[in-house]
C-alpha atoms as a PDB file:
ATOM      1  CA  MET A   1     -79.420  81.977-160.167  1.00  0.00           C
ATOM      2  CA  ARG A   2     -78.344  78.371-160.774  1.00  0.00           C
ATOM      3  CA  THR A   3     -74.779  79.611-161.717  1.00  0.00           C
ATOM      4  CA  LYS A   4     -74.430  81.676-158.548  1.00  0.00           C
ATOM      5  CA  THR A   5     -75.785  78.604-156.400  1.00  0.00           C
ATOM      6  CA  ALA A   6     -73.416  76.463-158.195  1.00  0.00           C
ATOM      7  CA  MET A   7     -70.460  78.916-157.494  1.00  0.00           C
ATOM      8  CA  GLY A   8     -71.595  79.061-153.893  1.00  0.00           C
ATOM      9  CA  LEU A   9     -71.441  75.137-153.643  1.00  0.00           C
ATOM     10  CA  ALA A  10     -68.052  74.898-155.273  1.00  0.00           C
ATOM     11  CA  VAL A  11     -66.870  77.156-152.484  1.00  0.00           C
ATOM     12  CA  ILE A  12     -68.263  75.373-149.698  1.00  0.00           C
ATOM     13  CA  LEU A  13     -66.983  72.277-150.998  1.00  0.00           C
ATOM     14  CA  LEU A  14     -63.442  73.599-151.213  1.00  0.00           C
ATOM     15  CA  ILE A  15     -63.563  74.756-147.605  1.00  0.00           C
ATOM     16  CA  GLY A  16     -64.642  71.375-146.539  1.00  0.00           C
ATOM     17  CA  ALA A  17     -61.885  69.662-148.393  1.00  0.00           C
ATOM     18  CA  ASN A  18     -59.677  71.835-145.888  1.00  0.00           C
ATOM     19  CA  ALA A  19     -61.103  69.968-142.795  1.00  0.00           C
ATOM     20  CA  VAL A  20     -59.186  66.755-143.278  1.00  0.00           C
ATOM     21  CA  LYS A  21     -55.663  66.761-142.305  1.00  0.00           C
ATOM     22  CA  GLY A  22     -53.305  66.446-145.112  1.00  0.00           C
ATOM     23  CA  ASP A  23     -55.226  69.118-147.096  1.00  0.00           C
ATOM     24  CA  ASP A  24     -54.052  71.930-145.178  1.00  0.00           C
ATOM     25  CA  MET A  25     -52.930  73.322-148.678  1.00  0.00           C
ATOM     26  CA  LEU A  26     -56.415  74.286-149.517  1.00  0.00           C
ATOM     27  CA  GLN A  27     -56.266  76.823-146.563  1.00  0.00           C
ATOM     28  CA  GLY A  28     -56.298  80.543-147.937  1.00  0.00           C
ATOM     29  CA  ALA A  29     -57.715  82.718-150.937  1.00  0.00           C
ATOM     30  CA  TRP A  30     -58.610  81.555-154.202  1.00  0.00           C
ATOM     31  CA  ILE A  31     -59.889  82.738-157.580  1.00  0.00           C
ATOM     32  CA  LEU A  32     -62.034  81.263-160.033  1.00  0.00           C
ATOM     33  CA  LYS A  33     -60.188  80.310-163.377  1.00  0.00           C
ATOM     34  CA  ALA A  34     -62.832  78.088-164.937  1.00  0.00           C
ATOM     35  CA  GLY A  35     -66.365  76.452-164.440  1.00  0.00           C
ATOM     36  CA  GLU A  36     -69.357  75.201-165.768  1.00  0.00           C
ATOM     37  CA  ALA A  37     -73.238  74.583-164.355  1.00  0.00           C
ATOM     38  CA  ASP A  38     -75.824  72.305-166.007  1.00  0.00           C
ATOM     39  CA  GLY A  39     -73.274  71.692-169.111  1.00  0.00           C
ATOM     40  CA  LYS A  40     -72.725  75.358-169.724  1.00  0.00           C
ATOM     41  CA  ALA A  41     -69.643  77.284-169.135  1.00  0.00           C
ATOM     42  CA  LEU A  42     -69.617  80.261-166.837  1.00  0.00           C
ATOM     43  CA  THR A  43     -69.521  83.713-168.253  1.00  0.00           C
ATOM     44  CA  GLU A  44     -66.279  85.550-168.056  1.00  0.00           C
ATOM     45  CA  LYS A  45     -67.807  88.040-165.755  1.00  0.00           C
ATOM     46  CA  GLN A  46     -68.861  85.106-163.378  1.00  0.00           C
ATOM     47  CA  ILE A  47     -65.251  83.887-163.602  1.00  0.00           C
ATOM     48  CA  GLU A  48     -63.568  87.293-163.030  1.00  0.00           C
ATOM     49  CA  GLU A  49     -65.833  87.848-159.949  1.00  0.00           C
ATOM     50  CA  GLY A  50     -65.455  84.491-158.270  1.00  0.00           C
ATOM     51  CA  LYS A  51     -63.359  84.273-155.222  1.00  0.00           C
ATOM     52  CA  LEU A  52     -63.180  81.885-152.559  1.00  0.00           C
ATOM     53  CA  LEU A  53     -61.833  81.966-148.878  1.00  0.00           C
ATOM     54  CA  ILE A  54     -60.997  78.854-146.924  1.00  0.00           C
ATOM     55  CA  GLU A  55     -60.376  78.788-143.082  1.00  0.00           C
ATOM     56  CA  GLY A  56     -60.369  75.698-141.446  1.00  0.00           C
ATOM     57  CA  ASP A  57     -63.470  73.772-142.493  1.00  0.00           C
ATOM     58  CA  HIS A  58     -65.387  77.263-143.385  1.00  0.00           C
ATOM     59  CA  TYR A  59     -65.734  78.675-146.616  1.00  0.00           C
ATOM     60  CA  ARG A  60     -66.683  82.322-147.876  1.00  0.00           C
ATOM     61  CA  VAL A  61     -67.423  82.399-151.695  1.00  0.00           C
ATOM     62  CA  THR A  62     -68.085  85.650-153.604  1.00  0.00           C
ATOM     63  CA  LEU A  63     -69.933  85.370-156.621  1.00  0.00           C
ATOM     64  CA  ASP A  64     -70.750  87.705-159.538  1.00  0.00           C
ATOM     65  CA  GLY A  65     -72.947  90.549-158.695  1.00  0.00           C
ATOM     66  CA  GLY A  66     -71.229  90.705-154.970  1.00  0.00           C
ATOM     67  CA  GLU A  67     -73.519  87.786-153.382  1.00  0.00           C
ATOM     68  CA  THR A  68     -71.331  86.217-150.700  1.00  0.00           C
ATOM     69  CA  ILE A  69     -72.238  82.424-149.659  1.00  0.00           C
ATOM     70  CA  THR A  70     -70.689  80.957-146.578  1.00  0.00           C
ATOM     71  CA  GLY A  71     -70.661  77.431-145.046  1.00  0.00           C
ATOM     72  CA  VAL A  72     -68.877  74.513-143.599  1.00  0.00           C
ATOM     73  CA  GLN A  73     -67.183  71.773-145.614  1.00  0.00           C
ATOM     74  CA  LYS A  74     -66.051  68.199-144.739  1.00  0.00           C
ATOM     75  CA  LEU A  75     -63.308  66.603-146.773  1.00  0.00           C
ATOM     76  CA  ASP A  76     -62.270  62.832-146.970  1.00  0.00           C
ATOM     77  CA  SER A  77     -58.974  62.504-148.803  1.00  0.00           C
ATOM     78  CA  THR A  78     -58.350  58.743-147.666  1.00  0.00           C
ATOM     79  CA  SER A  79     -59.777  57.055-151.039  1.00  0.00           C
ATOM     80  CA  ALA A  80     -58.588  57.504-154.731  1.00  0.00           C
ATOM     81  CA  ILE A  81     -61.469  59.805-155.456  1.00  0.00           C
ATOM     82  CA  LYS A  82     -61.416  62.711-152.995  1.00  0.00           C
ATOM     83  CA  THR A  83     -64.935  63.719-151.669  1.00  0.00           C
ATOM     84  CA  ILE A  84     -66.028  66.829-150.068  1.00  0.00           C
ATOM     85  CA  ASP A  85     -69.309  67.656-148.661  1.00  0.00           C
ATOM     86  CA  ILE A  86     -70.557  71.191-148.296  1.00  0.00           C
ATOM     87  CA  MET A  87     -73.309  72.735-146.304  1.00  0.00           C
ATOM     88  CA  ASP A  88     -74.219  76.409-147.051  1.00  0.00           C
ATOM     89  CA  ASP A  89     -74.942  78.940-143.960  1.00  0.00           C
ATOM     90  CA  THR A  90     -76.335  81.331-146.470  1.00  0.00           C
ATOM     91  CA  GLY A  91     -78.030  81.265-150.119  1.00  0.00           C
ATOM     92  CA  ARG A  92     -80.240  78.986-152.014  1.00  0.00           C
ATOM     93  CA  HIS A  93     -78.956  75.671-150.547  1.00  0.00           C
ATOM     94  CA  LYS A  94     -78.959  76.942-146.961  1.00  0.00           C
ATOM     95  CA  GLY A  95     -79.085  73.923-144.591  1.00  0.00           C
ATOM     96  CA  HIS A  96     -78.718  71.430-147.331  1.00  0.00           C
ATOM     97  CA  MET A  97     -75.878  69.046-147.852  1.00  0.00           C
ATOM     98  CA  CYS A  98     -74.398  69.008-151.220  1.00  0.00           C
ATOM     99  CA  LEU A  99     -72.024  66.228-152.139  1.00  0.00           C
ATOM    100  CA  GLY A 100     -68.922  66.618-154.272  1.00  0.00           C
ATOM    101  CA  ILE A 101     -65.519  65.617-155.339  1.00  0.00           C
ATOM    102  CA  TYR A 102     -62.439  67.398-155.406  1.00  0.00           C
ATOM    103  CA  GLU A 103     -58.883  67.426-156.806  1.00  0.00           C
ATOM    104  CA  LEU A 104     -55.570  69.461-155.561  1.00  0.00           C
ATOM    105  CA  LYS A 105     -52.649  69.805-157.880  1.00  0.00           C
ATOM    106  CA  GLY A 106     -50.424  72.520-156.988  1.00  0.00           C
ATOM    107  CA  ASP A 107     -51.852  75.588-156.827  1.00  0.00           C
ATOM    108  CA  GLU A 108     -54.961  74.357-158.985  1.00  0.00           C
ATOM    109  CA  PHE A 109     -58.140  73.065-156.698  1.00  0.00           C
ATOM    110  CA  ARG A 110     -61.088  71.486-158.810  1.00  0.00           C
ATOM    111  CA  VAL A 111     -64.276  70.655-157.578  1.00  0.00           C
ATOM    112  CA  ALA A 112     -67.456  69.080-158.729  1.00  0.00           C
ATOM    113  CA  PHE A 113     -70.897  69.096-156.832  1.00  0.00           C
ATOM    114  CA  ALA A 114     -74.536  67.581-156.885  1.00  0.00           C
ATOM    115  CA  PRO A 115     -77.598  69.668-155.946  1.00  0.00           C
ATOM    116  CA  PRO A 116     -78.867  68.675-152.564  1.00  0.00           C
ATOM    117  CA  GLY A 117     -80.502  65.082-152.705  1.00  0.00           C
ATOM    118  CA  LYS A 118     -78.719  63.892-155.901  1.00  0.00           C
ATOM    119  CA  GLU A 119     -75.780  61.470-156.033  1.00  0.00           C
ATOM    120  CA  ARG A 120     -72.187  62.506-155.802  1.00  0.00           C
ATOM    121  CA  PRO A 121     -70.496  63.231-159.258  1.00  0.00           C
ATOM    122  CA  THR A 122     -68.019  61.122-160.767  1.00  0.00           C
ATOM    123  CA  LYS A 123     -66.338  63.614-163.114  1.00  0.00           C
ATOM    124  CA  PHE A 124     -65.348  67.307-163.128  1.00  0.00           C
ATOM    125  CA  VAL A 125     -68.122  67.892-165.941  1.00  0.00           C
ATOM    126  CA  THR A 126     -71.543  68.742-165.868  1.00  0.00           C
ATOM    127  CA  ALA A 127     -74.547  67.645-168.022  1.00  0.00           C
ATOM    128  CA  PRO A 128     -77.302  69.903-169.107  1.00  0.00           C
ATOM    129  CA  ASP A 129     -80.249  70.493-166.685  1.00  0.00           C
ATOM    130  CA  SER A 130     -78.551  68.196-164.133  1.00  0.00           C
ATOM    131  CA  GLY A 131     -78.163  71.127-161.578  1.00  0.00           C
ATOM    132  CA  TYR A 132     -74.357  69.947-160.920  1.00  0.00           C
ATOM    133  CA  TRP A 133     -71.671  72.535-161.064  1.00  0.00           C
ATOM    134  CA  ALA A 134     -67.791  72.335-161.469  1.00  0.00           C
ATOM    135  CA  HIS A 135     -65.073  74.660-160.490  1.00  0.00           C
ATOM    136  CA  THR A 136     -61.302  75.213-161.055  1.00  0.00           C
ATOM    137  CA  TRP A 137     -59.755  77.652-158.731  1.00  0.00           C
ATOM    138  CA  LYS A 138     -56.324  78.838-158.393  1.00  0.00           C
ATOM    139  CA  ARG A 139     -54.547  79.830-155.296  1.00  0.00           C
ATOM    140  CA  ILE A 140     -53.999  83.558-154.742  1.00  0.00           C
ATOM    141  CA  LYS A 141     -50.201  84.122-153.682  1.00  0.00           C
ATOM    142  CA  LYS A 142     -49.212  85.909-150.630  1.00  0.00           C
END
């Protein structure tokens, strides 16, 4: 369940990143390439089934088992460490803000998030029992 929540939050963060001018490159469809939660790598199945769609400041992430989480994201790309804040409309963290960081390099989008009430991460890695999650997404070419 934590992994699904983490993936959902990551998706939300990705969508939020798109809300700031200059990060319009986040718009569109993405597939999950790698990820971890609580210091553990996501399973191959979780990675294969992870999908993200960003439209404006809204996101929709589909997780393993078909669970879909939607929400709104807010990005700030004005500082050296780009931040993303997400709020899920559905799922375990519904209505709670999750703070994160992001990086966009070409067609690769990385995010890391903290669970609600925790400090924003500073790295794209997680620690055991932290509640933090990190994902690497790859753009789906049209």
